[in-house]
């Protein structure tokens, strides 16, 4: 996902990285992230599903949310 896409997905606008929007979103997946506090966002263009990839463990997490 592009930075603008992430801002739209998080409903935080272009400056999403300056606030707590990403941190707040990642808290929902604390168990799956296994202690990692950072993850990258990925978007499946076919299904429109949003995934996270943990930077520490490399785990892929289906957020169960779609980006339209």
C-alpha atoms as a PDB file:
ATOM      1  CA  UNK A   1       0.000   0.000   0.000  1.00  0.00           C
ATOM      2  CA  UNK A   2       1.192   3.509  -0.662  1.00  0.00           C
ATOM      3  CA  UNK A   3       1.574   5.958   2.238  1.00  0.00           C
ATOM      4  CA  UNK A   4      -1.561   7.787   1.059  1.00  0.00           C
ATOM      5  CA  UNK A   5      -3.489   4.486   0.925  1.00  0.00           C
ATOM      6  CA  UNK A   6      -2.436   3.686   4.487  1.00  0.00           C
ATOM      7  CA  UNK A   7      -3.566   7.120   5.651  1.00  0.00           C
ATOM      8  CA  UNK A   8      -6.940   6.607   3.988  1.00  0.00           C
ATOM      9  CA  UNK A   9      -7.283   3.089   5.393  1.00  0.00           C
ATOM     10  CA  UNK A  10      -6.496   4.286   8.924  1.00  0.00           C
ATOM     11  CA  UNK A  11      -8.722   7.341   8.415  1.00  0.00           C
ATOM     12  CA  UNK A  12      -5.825   9.480   9.603  1.00  0.00           C
ATOM     13  CA  UNK A  13      -4.936  11.453   6.476  1.00  0.00           C
ATOM     14  CA  UNK A  14      -1.504  12.132   5.014  1.00  0.00           C
ATOM     15  CA  UNK A  15       0.198  12.614   8.378  1.00  0.00           C
ATOM     16  CA  UNK A  16      -0.820   9.219   9.777  1.00  0.00           C
ATOM     17  CA  UNK A  17       2.807   8.393  10.638  1.00  0.00           C
ATOM     18  CA  UNK A  18       3.090  11.411  12.958  1.00  0.00           C
ATOM     19  CA  UNK A  19       0.209  10.355  15.196  1.00  0.00           C
ATOM     20  CA  UNK A  20      -0.826   7.157  16.911  1.00  0.00           C
ATOM     21  CA  UNK A  21      -3.144   5.804  14.176  1.00  0.00           C
ATOM     22  CA  UNK A  22      -0.837   2.968  13.118  1.00  0.00           C
ATOM     23  CA  UNK A  23       0.092   2.087  16.707  1.00  0.00           C
ATOM     24  CA  UNK A  24      -3.578   2.046  17.695  1.00  0.00           C
ATOM     25  CA  UNK A  25      -4.455  -0.177  14.725  1.00  0.00           C
ATOM     26  CA  UNK A  26      -1.610  -2.613  15.441  1.00  0.00           C
ATOM     27  CA  UNK A  27      -2.802  -3.024  19.047  1.00  0.00           C
ATOM     28  CA  UNK A  28      -5.719  -5.019  17.640  1.00  0.00           C
ATOM     29  CA  UNK A  29      -3.217  -7.643  16.443  1.00  0.00           C
ATOM     30  CA  UNK A  30      -0.894  -7.674  19.449  1.00  0.00           C
ATOM     31  CA  UNK A  31      -1.213 -11.440  19.904  1.00  0.00           C
ATOM     32  CA  UNK A  32      -0.512 -12.224  16.254  1.00  0.00           C
ATOM     33  CA  UNK A  33       2.441  -9.799  16.123  1.00  0.00           C
ATOM     34  CA  UNK A  34       4.064 -11.674  19.028  1.00  0.00           C
ATOM     35  CA  UNK A  35       5.671  -8.650  20.652  1.00  0.00           C
ATOM     36  CA  UNK A  36       6.541  -6.768  17.477  1.00  0.00           C
ATOM     37  CA  UNK A  37       5.426  -3.147  17.542  1.00  0.00           C
ATOM     38  CA  UNK A  38       5.891  -2.494  13.830  1.00  0.00           C
ATOM     39  CA  UNK A  39       4.443  -4.078  10.711  1.00  0.00           C
ATOM     40  CA  UNK A  40       4.096  -3.266   7.040  1.00  0.00           C
ATOM     41  CA  UNK A  41       0.739  -2.969   5.293  1.00  0.00           C
ATOM     42  CA  UNK A  42      -0.031  -5.023   2.188  1.00  0.00           C
ATOM     43  CA  UNK A  43      -3.075  -4.926  -0.062  1.00  0.00           C
ATOM     44  CA  UNK A  44      -4.372  -7.790  -2.218  1.00  0.00           C
ATOM     45  CA  UNK A  45      -5.641  -6.094  -5.379  1.00  0.00           C
ATOM     46  CA  UNK A  46      -7.891  -9.029  -6.251  1.00  0.00           C
ATOM     47  CA  UNK A  47      -9.686  -9.522  -2.945  1.00  0.00           C
ATOM     48  CA  UNK A  48      -9.085  -5.983  -1.586  1.00  0.00           C
ATOM     49  CA  UNK A  49      -8.022  -7.509   1.748  1.00  0.00           C
ATOM     50  CA  UNK A  50      -5.460  -5.767   3.939  1.00  0.00           C
ATOM     51  CA  UNK A  51      -2.622  -7.803   5.445  1.00  0.00           C
ATOM     52  CA  UNK A  52       0.120  -6.991   7.896  1.00  0.00           C
ATOM     53  CA  UNK A  53       3.621  -8.411   7.802  1.00  0.00           C
ATOM     54  CA  UNK A  54       5.439  -8.300  11.112  1.00  0.00           C
ATOM     55  CA  UNK A  55       8.885  -6.752  10.740  1.00  0.00           C
ATOM     56  CA  UNK A  56      10.335  -8.806  13.589  1.00  0.00           C
ATOM     57  CA  UNK A  57       8.902 -12.291  13.085  1.00  0.00           C
ATOM     58  CA  UNK A  58       7.895 -12.055   9.423  1.00  0.00           C
ATOM     59  CA  UNK A  59       4.391 -13.356  10.267  1.00  0.00           C
ATOM     60  CA  UNK A  60       1.617 -12.489   7.823  1.00  0.00           C
ATOM     61  CA  UNK A  61      -1.633 -11.419   9.431  1.00  0.00           C
ATOM     62  CA  UNK A  62      -4.981 -11.119   7.693  1.00  0.00           C
ATOM     63  CA  UNK A  63      -6.656  -8.084   9.274  1.00  0.00           C
ATOM     64  CA  UNK A  64     -10.089  -9.228   8.153  1.00  0.00           C
ATOM     65  CA  UNK A  65     -10.643  -5.769   6.695  1.00  0.00           C
ATOM     66  CA  UNK A  66     -10.960  -4.611   3.122  1.00  0.00           C
ATOM     67  CA  UNK A  67      -9.706  -1.418   1.503  1.00  0.00           C
ATOM     68  CA  UNK A  68     -12.127  -0.152  -1.102  1.00  0.00           C
END
